[in-house]
C-alpha atoms as a PDB file:
ATOM      1  CA  UNK A   1      43.549  -7.669 125.371  1.00  0.00           C
ATOM      2  CA  UNK A   2      40.631  -5.987 126.942  1.00  0.00           C
ATOM      3  CA  UNK A   3      37.810  -5.052 124.694  1.00  0.00           C
ATOM      4  CA  UNK A   4      35.199  -2.303 126.329  1.00  0.00           C
ATOM      5  CA  UNK A   5      32.371  -1.736 124.209  1.00  0.00           C
ATOM      6  CA  UNK A   6      29.020  -0.895 124.877  1.00  0.00           C
ATOM      7  CA  UNK A   7      26.909  -2.421 122.315  1.00  0.00           C
ATOM      8  CA  UNK A   8      26.994  -6.274 122.540  1.00  0.00           C
ATOM      9  CA  UNK A   9      26.691  -6.635 118.630  1.00  0.00           C
ATOM     10  CA  UNK A  10      29.517  -4.531 118.332  1.00  0.00           C
ATOM     11  CA  UNK A  11      31.644  -6.354 121.010  1.00  0.00           C
ATOM     12  CA  UNK A  12      30.747  -9.639 119.403  1.00  0.00           C
ATOM     13  CA  UNK A  13      31.867  -8.495 116.074  1.00  0.00           C
ATOM     14  CA  UNK A  14      35.204  -7.070 117.586  1.00  0.00           C
ATOM     15  CA  UNK A  15      35.773 -10.267 119.410  1.00  0.00           C
ATOM     16  CA  UNK A  16      35.091 -12.647 116.068  1.00  0.00           C
ATOM     17  CA  UNK A  17      37.165 -10.307 113.876  1.00  0.00           C
ATOM     18  CA  UNK A  18      40.023 -10.680 116.148  1.00  0.00           C
ATOM     19  CA  UNK A  19      39.923 -14.184 116.456  1.00  0.00           C
ATOM     20  CA  UNK A  20      40.045 -14.632 112.671  1.00  0.00           C
ATOM     21  CA  UNK A  21      42.757 -12.301 112.756  1.00  0.00           C
ATOM     22  CA  UNK A  22      44.577 -14.374 115.133  1.00  0.00           C
ATOM     23  CA  UNK A  23      44.361 -12.238 118.394  1.00  0.00           C
ATOM     24  CA  UNK A  24      41.430 -14.001 120.056  1.00  0.00           C
ATOM     25  CA  UNK A  25      43.668 -15.612 123.021  1.00  0.00           C
ATOM     26  CA  UNK A  26      43.047 -13.993 126.035  1.00  0.00           C
ATOM     27  CA  UNK A  27      40.498 -11.827 125.189  1.00  0.00           C
ATOM     28  CA  UNK A  28      37.990  -9.919 127.900  1.00  0.00           C
ATOM     29  CA  UNK A  29      35.167  -8.088 126.855  1.00  0.00           C
ATOM     30  CA  UNK A  30      33.346  -5.451 129.071  1.00  0.00           C
ATOM     31  CA  UNK A  31      30.361  -3.617 128.405  1.00  0.00           C
ATOM     32  CA  UNK A  32      30.595  -1.221 131.826  1.00  0.00           C
ATOM     33  CA  UNK A  33      33.360   1.390 132.011  1.00  0.00           C
ATOM     34  CA  UNK A  34      33.248   0.935 135.860  1.00  0.00           C
ATOM     35  CA  UNK A  35      33.774  -2.328 135.791  1.00  0.00           C
ATOM     36  CA  UNK A  36      36.613  -2.169 133.143  1.00  0.00           C
ATOM     37  CA  UNK A  37      38.185   0.465 135.255  1.00  0.00           C
ATOM     38  CA  UNK A  38      38.318  -1.900 138.337  1.00  0.00           C
ATOM     39  CA  UNK A  39      39.468  -4.679 135.950  1.00  0.00           C
ATOM     40  CA  UNK A  40      42.465  -2.663 134.887  1.00  0.00           C
ATOM     41  CA  UNK A  41      43.268  -1.587 138.302  1.00  0.00           C
ATOM     42  CA  UNK A  42      43.227  -5.020 139.843  1.00  0.00           C
ATOM     43  CA  UNK A  43      46.774  -5.594 139.291  1.00  0.00           C
ATOM     44  CA  UNK A  44      47.440  -7.512 135.865  1.00  0.00           C
ATOM     45  CA  UNK A  45      46.395  -5.220 133.066  1.00  0.00           C
ATOM     46  CA  UNK A  46      46.152  -6.238 129.855  1.00  0.00           C
ATOM     47  CA  UNK A  47      48.610  -5.501 126.971  1.00  0.00           C
ATOM     48  CA  UNK A  48      45.944  -3.594 124.989  1.00  0.00           C
ATOM     49  CA  UNK A  49      42.772  -1.774 125.283  1.00  0.00           C
ATOM     50  CA  UNK A  50      40.254  -1.321 122.646  1.00  0.00           C
ATOM     51  CA  UNK A  51      37.851   1.432 123.824  1.00  0.00           C
ATOM     52  CA  UNK A  52      34.743   2.758 122.740  1.00  0.00           C
ATOM     53  CA  UNK A  53      33.639   5.965 123.625  1.00  0.00           C
ATOM     54  CA  UNK A  54      29.879   5.748 123.988  1.00  0.00           C
ATOM     55  CA  UNK A  55      30.378   3.716 127.457  1.00  0.00           C
ATOM     56  CA  UNK A  56      28.592   4.187 131.024  1.00  0.00           C
ATOM     57  CA  UNK A  57      28.658   5.323 133.892  1.00  0.00           C
ATOM     58  CA  UNK A  58      31.973   6.622 132.671  1.00  0.00           C
ATOM     59  CA  UNK A  59      32.443   7.968 129.170  1.00  0.00           C
ATOM     60  CA  UNK A  60      34.983   6.463 126.907  1.00  0.00           C
ATOM     61  CA  UNK A  61      36.906   9.863 127.186  1.00  0.00           C
ATOM     62  CA  UNK A  62      36.723   9.646 131.074  1.00  0.00           C
ATOM     63  CA  UNK A  63      37.988   5.827 131.360  1.00  0.00           C
ATOM     64  CA  UNK A  64      40.743   7.009 129.048  1.00  0.00           C
ATOM     65  CA  UNK A  65      41.596   9.861 131.475  1.00  0.00           C
ATOM     66  CA  UNK A  66      41.497   7.573 134.219  1.00  0.00           C
ATOM     67  CA  UNK A  67      43.784   5.219 132.637  1.00  0.00           C
ATOM     68  CA  UNK A  68      46.467   7.733 131.690  1.00  0.00           C
ATOM     69  CA  UNK A  69      46.415   9.471 135.068  1.00  0.00           C
ATOM     70  CA  UNK A  70      47.152   5.884 137.081  1.00  0.00           C
ATOM     71  CA  UNK A  71      51.166   5.464 136.661  1.00  0.00           C
ATOM     72  CA  UNK A  72      50.532   1.424 136.994  1.00  0.00           C
ATOM     73  CA  UNK A  73      48.257   1.933 133.206  1.00  0.00           C
ATOM     74  CA  UNK A  74      49.865   4.911 131.825  1.00  0.00           C
ATOM     75  CA  UNK A  75      51.908   3.208 129.184  1.00  0.00           C
ATOM     76  CA  UNK A  76      49.416   0.505 128.357  1.00  0.00           C
ATOM     77  CA  UNK A  77      48.177   1.168 124.816  1.00  0.00           C
ATOM     78  CA  UNK A  78      45.110   2.187 124.136  1.00  0.00           C
ATOM     79  CA  UNK A  79      42.918   1.979 120.606  1.00  0.00           C
ATOM     80  CA  UNK A  80      39.952   3.908 120.867  1.00  0.00           C
ATOM     81  CA  UNK A  81      37.425   2.305 118.129  1.00  0.00           C
ATOM     82  CA  UNK A  82      34.429   4.322 117.757  1.00  0.00           C
ATOM     83  CA  UNK A  83      31.415   5.110 115.360  1.00  0.00           C
ATOM     84  CA  UNK A  84      32.111   8.526 115.511  1.00  0.00           C
ATOM     85  CA  UNK A  85      34.241  10.594 112.728  1.00  0.00           C
ATOM     86  CA  UNK A  86      33.661  13.557 114.324  1.00  0.00           C
ATOM     87  CA  UNK A  87      37.056  15.588 114.327  1.00  0.00           C
ATOM     88  CA  UNK A  88      36.529  16.808 117.731  1.00  0.00           C
ATOM     89  CA  UNK A  89      36.196  13.508 119.158  1.00  0.00           C
ATOM     90  CA  UNK A  90      39.561  12.317 117.289  1.00  0.00           C
ATOM     91  CA  UNK A  91      41.304  14.936 118.636  1.00  0.00           C
ATOM     92  CA  UNK A  92      39.740  14.622 122.183  1.00  0.00           C
ATOM     93  CA  UNK A  93      40.987  11.291 122.476  1.00  0.00           C
ATOM     94  CA  UNK A  94      44.361  11.965 121.137  1.00  0.00           C
ATOM     95  CA  UNK A  95      44.780  14.777 123.754  1.00  0.00           C
ATOM     96  CA  UNK A  96      43.823  12.242 126.337  1.00  0.00           C
ATOM     97  CA  UNK A  97      46.510   9.834 125.460  1.00  0.00           C
ATOM     98  CA  UNK A  98      45.015   7.499 123.024  1.00  0.00           C
ATOM     99  CA  UNK A  99      47.636   5.660 120.705  1.00  0.00           C
ATOM    100  CA  UNK A 100      45.259   5.025 117.742  1.00  0.00           C
ATOM    101  CA  UNK A 101      41.658   6.037 116.858  1.00  0.00           C
ATOM    102  CA  UNK A 102      39.843   3.986 114.444  1.00  0.00           C
ATOM    103  CA  UNK A 103      36.417   4.591 112.950  1.00  0.00           C
ATOM    104  CA  UNK A 104      34.351   1.444 113.005  1.00  0.00           C
ATOM    105  CA  UNK A 105      33.754   0.303 109.439  1.00  0.00           C
ATOM    106  CA  UNK A 106      30.003  -0.045 108.230  1.00  0.00           C
ATOM    107  CA  UNK A 107      30.356  -3.057 106.498  1.00  0.00           C
ATOM    108  CA  UNK A 108      31.306  -6.530 108.008  1.00  0.00           C
ATOM    109  CA  UNK A 109      33.926  -7.219 105.036  1.00  0.00           C
ATOM    110  CA  UNK A 110      35.250  -3.942 105.684  1.00  0.00           C
ATOM    111  CA  UNK A 111      35.533  -4.604 109.520  1.00  0.00           C
ATOM    112  CA  UNK A 112      37.351  -7.834 109.063  1.00  0.00           C
ATOM    113  CA  UNK A 113      39.740  -6.197 106.779  1.00  0.00           C
ATOM    114  CA  UNK A 114      40.339  -3.450 108.862  1.00  0.00           C
ATOM    115  CA  UNK A 115      40.895  -5.699 111.735  1.00  0.00           C
ATOM    116  CA  UNK A 116      43.501  -7.879 109.775  1.00  0.00           C
ATOM    117  CA  UNK A 117      45.399  -4.794 108.997  1.00  0.00           C
ATOM    118  CA  UNK A 118      45.016  -3.663 112.652  1.00  0.00           C
ATOM    119  CA  UNK A 119      46.344  -7.087 113.679  1.00  0.00           C
ATOM    120  CA  UNK A 120      49.450  -7.154 111.464  1.00  0.00           C
ATOM    121  CA  UNK A 121      50.088  -3.586 112.461  1.00  0.00           C
ATOM    122  CA  UNK A 122      49.972  -4.156 116.393  1.00  0.00           C
ATOM    123  CA  UNK A 123      51.380  -8.120 116.625  1.00  0.00           C
ATOM    124  CA  UNK A 124      54.156  -7.426 114.289  1.00  0.00           C
ATOM    125  CA  UNK A 125      55.424  -4.033 113.731  1.00  0.00           C
ATOM    126  CA  UNK A 126      55.045  -2.068 117.029  1.00  0.00           C
ATOM    127  CA  UNK A 127      56.780  -2.598 120.100  1.00  0.00           C
ATOM    128  CA  UNK A 128      54.779  -2.931 123.129  1.00  0.00           C
ATOM    129  CA  UNK A 129      55.999  -2.132 126.698  1.00  0.00           C
ATOM    130  CA  UNK A 130      56.329  -4.854 128.850  1.00  0.00           C
ATOM    131  CA  UNK A 131      53.374  -5.593 131.343  1.00  0.00           C
END
């Protein structure tokens, strides 16, 4: 799994929540969207990407668009996790091919609860494409 998150504090929190939820194995975290694109295009993409929208030098929207335009990455699940509750951002993320849009919870307790629910859904309910 790859987490692309601009905020070091949020990246740490996401990684810790994923570890507590049982999804910490093989977790890679990157802050730079260009690095993330290079990593994804390197030939061994992860099974799942958690993507922040507030990235540089490419925005999260631009990175999502590049992922979906690459045939080798197009089927890879991408979950947008953003602090934005703006309906335009939600709509645009889905139009660009996001599989899910999650608004980052504001409290630590809610964040951890959300990640446990998220883990349950993505690890036991959803059938992911082969890598």
